[in-house]
Amino acid sequence: MGILLPLLRAPPANQHLSRYIKAVQQGHEILLTRRGQPVARLVGVTSKKVLSVEQQEARKRSLELMRRGYPLGGPPIRRDERYER
């Protein structure tokens, strides 16, 4: 089960938006509802995304593959031959 967020109906959110923006800046998350159904989540913006260990390893593998290049089969093509007319 996930973290329970404070529920907020749309009209009060509209009337007191600056109050809720301050709460979000302090680290709170607020779930906005319309007719009892969740429609949006108000969360703060982080300046830098932190990658998990798995994501960092996947990024490392991808960058290494890009540096080495992908083998396509066949002989290598030189730039001069490619653009020769």
C-alpha atoms as a PDB file:
ATOM      1  CA  MET A   1       0.000   0.000   0.000  1.00  0.00           C
ATOM      2  CA  GLY A   2       1.368   3.443  -0.949  1.00  0.00           C
ATOM      3  CA  ILE A   3       1.771   6.597   1.073  1.00  0.00           C
ATOM      4  CA  LEU A   4      -1.505   8.340   1.861  1.00  0.00           C
ATOM      5  CA  LEU A   5      -1.550  11.885   0.512  1.00  0.00           C
ATOM      6  CA  PRO A   6      -3.715  14.708   1.834  1.00  0.00           C
ATOM      7  CA  LEU A   7      -6.839  14.937  -0.348  1.00  0.00           C
ATOM      8  CA  LEU A   8      -7.941  18.315  -1.620  1.00  0.00           C
ATOM      9  CA  ARG A   9     -11.033  19.092  -3.663  1.00  0.00           C
ATOM     10  CA  ALA A  10     -10.549  21.298  -6.740  1.00  0.00           C
ATOM     11  CA  PRO A  11     -12.511  24.440  -5.636  1.00  0.00           C
ATOM     12  CA  PRO A  12     -10.571  24.964  -2.358  1.00  0.00           C
ATOM     13  CA  ALA A  13      -7.320  24.323  -4.196  1.00  0.00           C
ATOM     14  CA  ASN A  14      -8.224  27.070  -6.644  1.00  0.00           C
ATOM     15  CA  GLN A  15      -9.143  29.505  -3.854  1.00  0.00           C
ATOM     16  CA  HIS A  16      -6.006  28.906  -1.748  1.00  0.00           C
ATOM     17  CA  LEU A  17      -3.409  27.895  -4.314  1.00  0.00           C
ATOM     18  CA  SER A  18      -0.585  29.941  -2.787  1.00  0.00           C
ATOM     19  CA  ARG A  19      -1.088  28.135   0.545  1.00  0.00           C
ATOM     20  CA  TYR A  20      -0.730  24.757  -1.150  1.00  0.00           C
ATOM     21  CA  ILE A  21       2.284  25.855  -3.170  1.00  0.00           C
ATOM     22  CA  LYS A  22       4.016  26.753   0.108  1.00  0.00           C
ATOM     23  CA  ALA A  23       3.163  23.324   1.527  1.00  0.00           C
ATOM     24  CA  VAL A  24       4.618  21.639  -1.564  1.00  0.00           C
ATOM     25  CA  GLN A  25       7.791  23.739  -1.274  1.00  0.00           C
ATOM     26  CA  GLN A  26       8.144  22.384   2.272  1.00  0.00           C
ATOM     27  CA  GLY A  27       8.113  18.824   0.928  1.00  0.00           C
ATOM     28  CA  HIS A  28       4.436  17.874   1.119  1.00  0.00           C
ATOM     29  CA  GLU A  29       2.495  16.190  -1.686  1.00  0.00           C
ATOM     30  CA  ILE A  30      -1.202  16.917  -2.227  1.00  0.00           C
ATOM     31  CA  LEU A  31      -3.705  14.829  -4.180  1.00  0.00           C
ATOM     32  CA  LEU A  32      -6.324  16.914  -6.009  1.00  0.00           C
ATOM     33  CA  THR A  33      -9.754  15.380  -6.499  1.00  0.00           C
ATOM     34  CA  ARG A  34     -12.831  16.227  -8.531  1.00  0.00           C
ATOM     35  CA  ARG A  35     -16.115  14.666  -7.439  1.00  0.00           C
ATOM     36  CA  GLY A  36     -14.194  12.310  -5.177  1.00  0.00           C
ATOM     37  CA  GLN A  37     -11.943  10.970  -7.944  1.00  0.00           C
ATOM     38  CA  PRO A  38      -8.188  11.716  -7.984  1.00  0.00           C
ATOM     39  CA  VAL A  39      -7.283  13.902 -10.972  1.00  0.00           C
ATOM     40  CA  ALA A  40      -3.829  15.330 -10.188  1.00  0.00           C
ATOM     41  CA  ARG A  41      -0.999  15.278  -7.711  1.00  0.00           C
ATOM     42  CA  LEU A  42       0.716  18.475  -6.613  1.00  0.00           C
ATOM     43  CA  VAL A  43       4.405  17.776  -5.957  1.00  0.00           C
ATOM     44  CA  GLY A  44       7.569  19.823  -5.745  1.00  0.00           C
ATOM     45  CA  VAL A  45      10.147  19.945  -8.505  1.00  0.00           C
ATOM     46  CA  THR A  46      13.543  18.526  -7.704  1.00  0.00           C
ATOM     47  CA  SER A  47      16.538  20.213  -9.242  1.00  0.00           C
ATOM     48  CA  LYS A  48      18.482  17.028  -9.944  1.00  0.00           C
ATOM     49  CA  LYS A  49      17.201  13.534 -10.595  1.00  0.00           C
ATOM     50  CA  VAL A  50      18.907  10.850  -8.558  1.00  0.00           C
ATOM     51  CA  LEU A  51      19.359   7.541 -10.368  1.00  0.00           C
ATOM     52  CA  SER A  52      19.094   4.217  -8.594  1.00  0.00           C
ATOM     53  CA  VAL A  53      22.068   1.837  -8.693  1.00  0.00           C
ATOM     54  CA  GLU A  54      20.337  -0.253 -11.387  1.00  0.00           C
ATOM     55  CA  GLN A  55      19.661   2.842 -13.493  1.00  0.00           C
ATOM     56  CA  GLN A  56      23.277   3.988 -13.155  1.00  0.00           C
ATOM     57  CA  GLU A  57      24.551   0.577 -14.281  1.00  0.00           C
ATOM     58  CA  ALA A  58      22.138   0.498 -17.238  1.00  0.00           C
ATOM     59  CA  ARG A  59      23.253   4.002 -18.236  1.00  0.00           C
ATOM     60  CA  LYS A  60      26.903   2.938 -18.056  1.00  0.00           C
ATOM     61  CA  ARG A  61      26.251  -0.107 -20.273  1.00  0.00           C
ATOM     62  CA  SER A  62      24.333   1.969 -22.813  1.00  0.00           C
ATOM     63  CA  LEU A  63      27.044   4.626 -23.020  1.00  0.00           C
ATOM     64  CA  GLU A  64      29.720   1.953 -23.508  1.00  0.00           C
ATOM     65  CA  LEU A  65      27.705   0.358 -26.345  1.00  0.00           C
ATOM     66  CA  MET A  66      27.352   3.763 -27.998  1.00  0.00           C
ATOM     67  CA  ARG A  67      31.096   4.431 -27.728  1.00  0.00           C
ATOM     68  CA  ARG A  68      32.002   1.064 -29.278  1.00  0.00           C
ATOM     69  CA  GLY A  69      29.308   1.263 -31.921  1.00  0.00           C
ATOM     70  CA  TYR A  70      26.923  -1.408 -33.096  1.00  0.00           C
ATOM     71  CA  PRO A  71      28.241  -4.060 -35.495  1.00  0.00           C
ATOM     72  CA  LEU A  72      26.096  -4.039 -38.625  1.00  0.00           C
ATOM     73  CA  GLY A  73      28.021  -6.681 -40.536  1.00  0.00           C
ATOM     74  CA  GLY A  74      29.903  -6.116 -43.768  1.00  0.00           C
ATOM     75  CA  PRO A  75      33.088  -4.153 -44.310  1.00  0.00           C
ATOM     76  CA  PRO A  76      33.598  -0.768 -42.655  1.00  0.00           C
ATOM     77  CA  ILE A  77      32.620   2.191 -44.817  1.00  0.00           C
ATOM     78  CA  ARG A  78      35.032   5.082 -45.077  1.00  0.00           C
ATOM     79  CA  ARG A  79      33.651   8.583 -45.105  1.00  0.00           C
ATOM     80  CA  ASP A  80      35.227   9.407 -48.483  1.00  0.00           C
ATOM     81  CA  GLU A  81      33.609   6.392 -50.120  1.00  0.00           C
ATOM     82  CA  ARG A  82      30.239   7.169 -48.644  1.00  0.00           C
ATOM     83  CA  TYR A  83      30.056  10.710 -49.991  1.00  0.00           C
ATOM     84  CA  GLU A  84      31.770  10.056 -53.309  1.00  0.00           C
ATOM     85  CA  ARG A  85      29.651  11.021 -56.315  1.00  0.00           C
END
